[in-house]
Amino acid sequence: QVQLVESGGGLAQPGGSLRLSCAASGFTLSSYWMYWVRQAPGKGLEWVSHIENGGGSTHYADSVKGRFTISRDNAKNTLYLQMNSLKPEDTALYYCGDPPSGYWGQGTLVTVSS
């Protein structure tokens, strides 16, 4: 059974940092392009970043480029999103997943506020 479990969300001050984790079971992260998407209150889903399988090329939305870093630990079968220089507009529910397979986690809430 496939499970993706996000963690690491919480309250951060503007300019602060958080690291999100996405632990996978029944699913080998490194075999897939893995995505982080987010949904801000009252808004639709927004692609944040993804990492390709194999060589692991990374891609970012313009809104997070230079501030967020996606990575994975193949040994731990875990995907990460390091978020630095957080802004209030980064407040959202963050999900990890693989769109083609339809596998998604339950989300972790990030709130950026002073």
Protein backbone atom coordinates (compact mmCIF):
# COMPACT_ATOMS: atom_id res chain seq x y z
CA GLN A 1 0.00 0.00 0.00
CA VAL A 2 1.37 3.37 -1.03
CA GLN A 3 1.66 6.05 1.63
CA LEU A 4 3.14 9.52 1.43
CA VAL A 5 3.30 11.33 4.76
CA GLU A 6 4.26 14.99 4.92
CA SER A 7 5.61 16.63 8.05
CA GLY A 8 7.53 19.69 9.12
CA GLY A 9 4.91 22.35 8.68
CA GLY A 10 4.14 24.91 11.33
CA LEU A 11 4.32 28.57 12.14
CA ALA A 12 7.27 30.59 10.93
CA GLN A 13 8.05 34.27 10.99
CA PRO A 14 8.65 36.17 7.77
CA GLY A 15 12.26 35.58 6.78
CA GLY A 16 12.35 32.32 8.66
CA SER A 17 12.87 28.76 7.49
CA LEU A 18 11.13 25.43 7.59
CA ARG A 19 11.97 22.04 6.14
CA LEU A 20 9.16 19.85 4.93
CA SER A 21 9.57 16.09 4.67
CA CYS A 22 7.60 13.55 2.69
CA ALA A 23 8.20 9.98 3.81
CA ALA A 24 7.16 7.29 1.36
CA SER A 25 6.26 3.68 1.87
CA GLY A 26 5.20 1.14 -0.75
CA PHE A 27 6.56 3.59 -3.28
CA THR A 28 10.15 4.24 -4.40
CA LEU A 29 10.53 8.00 -4.65
CA SER A 30 13.65 7.87 -6.77
CA SER A 31 11.79 6.10 -9.58
CA TYR A 32 9.41 8.98 -10.13
CA TRP A 33 9.32 12.68 -10.75
CA MET A 34 8.19 13.94 -7.35
CA TYR A 35 6.31 17.15 -6.83
CA TRP A 36 5.53 19.67 -4.14
CA VAL A 37 2.36 21.65 -4.67
CA ARG A 38 0.54 24.00 -2.33
CA GLN A 39 -2.90 25.43 -1.79
CA ALA A 40 -3.25 28.80 -0.11
CA PRO A 41 -6.46 29.60 1.75
CA GLY A 42 -9.24 30.23 -0.74
CA LYS A 43 -7.02 29.56 -3.76
CA GLY A 44 -6.33 26.73 -6.16
CA LEU A 45 -3.43 24.33 -6.28
CA GLU A 46 -0.09 25.83 -7.21
CA TRP A 47 2.93 23.86 -8.41
CA VAL A 48 5.94 24.70 -6.27
CA SER A 49 8.74 22.41 -7.35
CA HIS A 50 9.59 19.00 -8.71
CA ILE A 51 12.59 16.73 -8.92
CA GLU A 52 13.16 14.29 -11.74
CA ASN A 53 14.03 10.65 -11.28
CA GLY A 54 17.45 9.40 -12.26
CA GLY A 55 19.77 12.39 -12.28
CA GLY A 56 17.43 14.40 -10.09
CA SER A 57 17.16 17.65 -12.04
CA THR A 58 15.14 20.18 -10.09
CA HIS A 59 12.61 22.79 -11.14
CA TYR A 60 10.96 25.65 -9.28
CA ALA A 61 8.11 28.07 -9.64
CA ASP A 62 9.30 31.64 -10.07
CA SER A 63 7.62 32.54 -6.79
CA VAL A 64 9.97 30.28 -4.81
CA LYS A 65 13.10 30.16 -6.96
CA GLY A 66 16.18 31.02 -4.96
CA ARG A 67 14.37 30.48 -1.66
CA PHE A 68 13.21 26.86 -1.74
CA THR A 69 15.26 23.74 -2.41
CA ILE A 70 13.83 20.33 -3.25
CA SER A 71 15.86 17.22 -2.55
CA ARG A 72 15.47 13.56 -1.74
CA ASP A 73 17.27 10.98 0.33
CA ASN A 74 17.02 7.70 -1.56
CA ALA A 75 18.21 5.65 1.40
CA LYS A 76 15.43 7.09 3.56
CA ASN A 77 12.93 7.14 0.68
CA THR A 78 12.09 10.68 1.70
CA LEU A 79 11.50 13.89 -0.23
CA TYR A 80 12.33 17.28 1.27
CA LEU A 81 11.52 20.91 0.68
CA GLN A 82 13.84 23.36 2.40
CA MET A 83 12.08 26.69 2.58
CA ASN A 84 14.11 29.79 3.42
CA SER A 85 13.30 33.49 3.45
CA LEU A 86 9.66 32.65 4.00
CA LYS A 87 7.01 35.21 3.11
CA PRO A 88 3.41 35.53 4.28
CA GLU A 89 2.29 34.56 0.79
CA ASP A 90 3.95 31.16 1.30
CA THR A 91 1.19 30.33 3.77
CA ALA A 92 -0.53 27.24 2.41
CA LEU A 93 -1.18 23.56 2.76
CA TYR A 94 1.77 21.78 1.13
CA TYR A 95 1.41 18.40 -0.54
CA CYS A 96 3.94 15.99 -2.00
CA GLY A 97 3.04 13.54 -4.69
CA ASP A 98 3.33 12.05 -8.14
CA PRO A 99 0.57 13.37 -10.41
CA PRO A 100 0.59 10.58 -13.03
CA SER A 101 0.09 7.89 -10.42
CA GLY A 102 -2.31 9.95 -8.35
CA TYR A 103 -0.37 9.34 -5.18
CA TRP A 104 -0.49 12.31 -2.79
CA GLY A 105 0.08 12.88 0.86
CA GLN A 106 -2.39 14.40 3.26
CA GLY A 107 -0.61 17.75 3.36
CA THR A 108 1.20 19.79 5.99
CA LEU A 109 0.22 23.34 6.89
CA VAL A 110 2.73 26.16 6.68
CA THR A 111 1.79 29.49 8.20
CA VAL A 112 4.08 32.48 7.82
CA SER A 113 3.13 35.31 10.10
CA SER A 114 4.64 37.69 12.60
